[in-house]
């Protein structure tokens, strides 16, 4: 649970924006640069996905398990639009399989084209990848991992262990 000493260490809370609502168990405090970067990217993602002040999208964060979360260098996103990232990834994989099977009726949009419009998990991952500036410690990949990392990047050549560890959430670090 958050306590007053976190602010003494220069940490700040990730706040809701005008088109998205942050959901966390308790307060989630991170370094100011990470909070600002997340707020910028989440706002752009939410607006591009059609969310507004009157109808914001929920983005669910949880505390990470590794030490860098304790000092506010990283955050983990587990849900978007009240649906877990694992479920968004399953929907993406199902559409990808349907498209590969080639069973799309003439005149109908491809399953992946439809998923690109409706899959908030994939869209959030794309926004984080395309609009965010995440840390890349010397000798390590860019610190953006999630269910789509191996196929979407930005660093596709990650270990099976790292991919499996991020199958149900998106991890960002700054």
Protein backbone atom coordinates (compact mmCIF):
# COMPACT_ATOMS: atom_id res chain seq x y z
CA UNK A 1 0.00 0.00 0.00
CA UNK A 2 1.14 3.54 -0.74
CA UNK A 3 2.55 5.66 2.01
CA UNK A 4 3.81 9.23 2.27
CA UNK A 5 7.46 8.24 1.90
CA UNK A 6 6.94 7.43 -1.80
CA UNK A 7 6.52 11.11 -2.57
CA UNK A 8 9.67 11.80 -0.58
CA UNK A 9 11.52 9.56 -3.07
CA UNK A 10 10.25 11.75 -5.93
CA UNK A 11 7.52 9.38 -7.09
CA UNK A 12 4.14 10.43 -8.43
CA UNK A 13 0.81 8.76 -9.01
CA UNK A 14 -0.36 7.63 -12.46
CA UNK A 15 -3.53 9.66 -12.91
CA UNK A 16 -6.63 9.32 -15.03
CA UNK A 17 -6.89 11.51 -18.13
CA UNK A 18 -9.81 13.04 -19.94
CA UNK A 19 -10.50 9.96 -22.09
CA UNK A 20 -9.24 7.16 -19.81
CA UNK A 21 -9.66 6.12 -16.18
CA UNK A 22 -6.81 4.48 -14.28
CA UNK A 23 -7.89 1.51 -12.17
CA UNK A 24 -5.45 0.15 -9.57
CA UNK A 25 -5.65 -1.67 -6.28
CA UNK A 26 -4.52 1.25 -4.14
CA UNK A 27 -2.27 3.99 -5.45
CA UNK A 28 0.34 3.21 -8.07
CA UNK A 29 3.28 5.59 -7.81
CA UNK A 30 6.10 5.74 -10.35
CA UNK A 31 8.86 8.10 -11.40
CA UNK A 32 7.54 11.37 -12.82
CA UNK A 33 8.96 10.67 -16.29
CA UNK A 34 7.14 7.32 -16.50
CA UNK A 35 3.88 8.83 -15.26
CA UNK A 36 4.09 11.67 -17.80
CA UNK A 37 4.92 9.28 -20.67
CA UNK A 38 2.06 6.93 -19.74
CA UNK A 39 -0.40 9.80 -19.39
CA UNK A 40 0.58 11.14 -22.83
CA UNK A 41 0.34 7.77 -24.59
CA UNK A 42 -2.83 6.64 -22.78
CA UNK A 43 -4.61 9.89 -23.65
CA UNK A 44 -3.70 9.56 -27.33
CA UNK A 45 -4.66 5.88 -27.40
CA UNK A 46 -8.02 6.54 -25.75
CA UNK A 47 -8.91 9.45 -28.05
CA UNK A 48 -7.88 7.54 -31.19
CA UNK A 49 -10.03 4.62 -30.02
CA UNK A 50 -13.04 6.94 -29.71
CA UNK A 51 -13.20 7.44 -25.95
CA UNK A 52 -14.11 10.78 -24.38
CA UNK A 53 -14.56 12.55 -21.06
CA UNK A 54 -18.19 11.43 -21.06
CA UNK A 55 -17.25 7.85 -21.96
CA UNK A 56 -13.67 7.03 -20.89
CA UNK A 57 -11.94 3.67 -21.23
CA UNK A 58 -10.69 1.92 -18.11
CA UNK A 59 -7.01 0.96 -17.98
CA UNK A 60 -6.15 -1.46 -15.18
CA UNK A 61 -2.70 -1.40 -13.60
CA UNK A 62 -1.30 -3.77 -10.99
CA UNK A 63 1.91 -3.71 -9.06
CA UNK A 64 4.78 -5.62 -10.62
CA UNK A 65 6.69 -8.35 -8.84
CA UNK A 66 10.27 -7.37 -9.62
CA UNK A 67 12.40 -4.86 -7.72
CA UNK A 68 12.36 -2.06 -10.31
CA UNK A 69 8.64 -1.62 -9.62
CA UNK A 70 9.47 -0.76 -6.01
CA UNK A 71 11.47 2.29 -7.08
CA UNK A 72 8.87 3.42 -9.61
CA UNK A 73 10.75 2.65 -12.84
CA UNK A 74 8.08 0.35 -14.29
CA UNK A 75 4.34 -0.20 -14.52
CA UNK A 76 2.23 -3.18 -15.59
CA UNK A 77 -1.10 -2.89 -17.44
CA UNK A 78 -3.36 -5.93 -17.04
CA UNK A 79 -6.72 -4.71 -18.37
CA UNK A 80 -8.15 -2.29 -20.87
CA UNK A 81 -11.86 -1.70 -21.30
CA UNK A 82 -12.57 -4.08 -18.37
CA UNK A 83 -11.07 -7.03 -20.30
CA UNK A 84 -7.77 -8.69 -19.41
CA UNK A 85 -4.85 -8.56 -21.84
CA UNK A 86 -4.83 -12.37 -22.05
CA UNK A 87 -8.41 -12.29 -23.38
CA UNK A 88 -7.61 -9.53 -25.88
CA UNK A 89 -4.66 -11.64 -27.09
CA UNK A 90 -6.89 -14.73 -27.44
CA UNK A 91 -9.32 -12.72 -29.60
CA UNK A 92 -6.39 -11.51 -31.72
CA UNK A 93 -5.07 -15.06 -32.18
CA UNK A 94 -8.52 -16.35 -33.14
CA UNK A 95 -8.88 -13.66 -35.83
CA UNK A 96 -5.38 -14.41 -37.08
CA UNK A 97 -6.22 -18.12 -37.38
CA UNK A 98 -9.50 -17.35 -39.18
CA UNK A 99 -7.67 -15.16 -41.66
CA UNK A 100 -4.99 -17.79 -42.23
CA UNK A 101 -7.71 -20.37 -42.91
CA UNK A 102 -8.95 -18.13 -45.74
CA UNK A 103 -12.63 -18.53 -44.92
CA UNK A 104 -13.59 -14.91 -45.42
CA UNK A 105 -16.77 -14.44 -47.52
CA UNK A 106 -16.35 -12.12 -50.51
CA UNK A 107 -17.03 -8.49 -49.68
CA UNK A 108 -16.52 -9.03 -45.95
CA UNK A 109 -13.65 -7.40 -44.07
CA UNK A 110 -10.83 -9.71 -43.03
CA UNK A 111 -10.95 -10.90 -39.43
CA UNK A 112 -7.67 -9.11 -38.66
CA UNK A 113 -8.90 -5.85 -40.20
CA UNK A 114 -11.90 -6.01 -37.87
CA UNK A 115 -9.68 -6.87 -34.88
CA UNK A 116 -7.40 -3.91 -35.62
CA UNK A 117 -10.42 -1.68 -35.09
CA UNK A 118 -12.00 -3.38 -32.07
CA UNK A 119 -9.20 -5.06 -30.11
CA UNK A 120 -8.32 -2.55 -27.42
CA UNK A 121 -5.47 -4.68 -26.08
CA UNK A 122 -3.70 -4.74 -29.44
CA UNK A 123 -4.45 -1.06 -30.03
CA UNK A 124 -3.02 -0.14 -26.63
CA UNK A 125 0.13 -2.16 -27.31
CA UNK A 126 0.51 -0.41 -30.68
CA UNK A 127 0.06 3.01 -29.08
CA UNK A 128 2.67 2.23 -26.42
CA UNK A 129 5.04 0.98 -29.12
CA UNK A 130 4.48 3.82 -31.59
CA UNK A 131 4.06 6.83 -29.31
CA UNK A 132 6.01 6.01 -26.15
CA UNK A 133 9.67 6.44 -25.38
CA UNK A 134 10.66 3.62 -23.05
CA UNK A 135 13.99 2.85 -21.46
CA UNK A 136 16.55 0.59 -23.11
CA UNK A 137 19.33 -0.20 -20.66
CA UNK A 138 22.68 -0.95 -22.26
CA UNK A 139 22.68 -4.55 -23.51
CA UNK A 140 18.93 -5.02 -22.96
CA UNK A 141 15.86 -4.69 -25.16
CA UNK A 142 13.48 -1.74 -25.14
CA UNK A 143 11.44 -2.03 -21.96
CA UNK A 144 8.06 -2.68 -23.57
CA UNK A 145 6.88 -6.27 -23.27
CA UNK A 146 3.48 -7.85 -23.61
CA UNK A 147 1.49 -10.58 -25.35
CA UNK A 148 2.25 -9.10 -28.80
CA UNK A 149 5.99 -8.54 -28.31
CA UNK A 150 7.26 -11.38 -30.48
CA UNK A 151 5.07 -10.49 -33.47
CA UNK A 152 4.76 -6.71 -33.09
CA UNK A 153 8.06 -5.68 -31.49
CA UNK A 154 9.65 -3.30 -30.82
CA UNK A 155 12.08 -6.03 -29.79
CA UNK A 156 10.87 -9.29 -31.34
CA UNK A 157 13.72 -11.55 -30.28
CA UNK A 158 12.88 -12.06 -26.64
CA UNK A 159 13.23 -15.28 -24.70
CA UNK A 160 10.36 -17.70 -24.27
CA UNK A 161 10.61 -17.04 -20.52
CA UNK A 162 10.20 -13.29 -20.95
CA UNK A 163 7.35 -13.72 -23.44
CA UNK A 164 5.56 -16.16 -21.13
CA UNK A 165 6.06 -13.84 -18.14
CA UNK A 166 4.26 -11.05 -20.05
CA UNK A 167 1.46 -13.10 -21.63
CA UNK A 168 -1.21 -11.45 -19.45
CA UNK A 169 0.03 -7.88 -19.14
CA UNK A 170 2.00 -5.08 -20.77
CA UNK A 171 5.13 -3.97 -18.96
CA UNK A 172 6.67 -0.53 -19.58
CA UNK A 173 9.67 1.10 -18.00
CA UNK A 174 11.21 4.56 -18.27
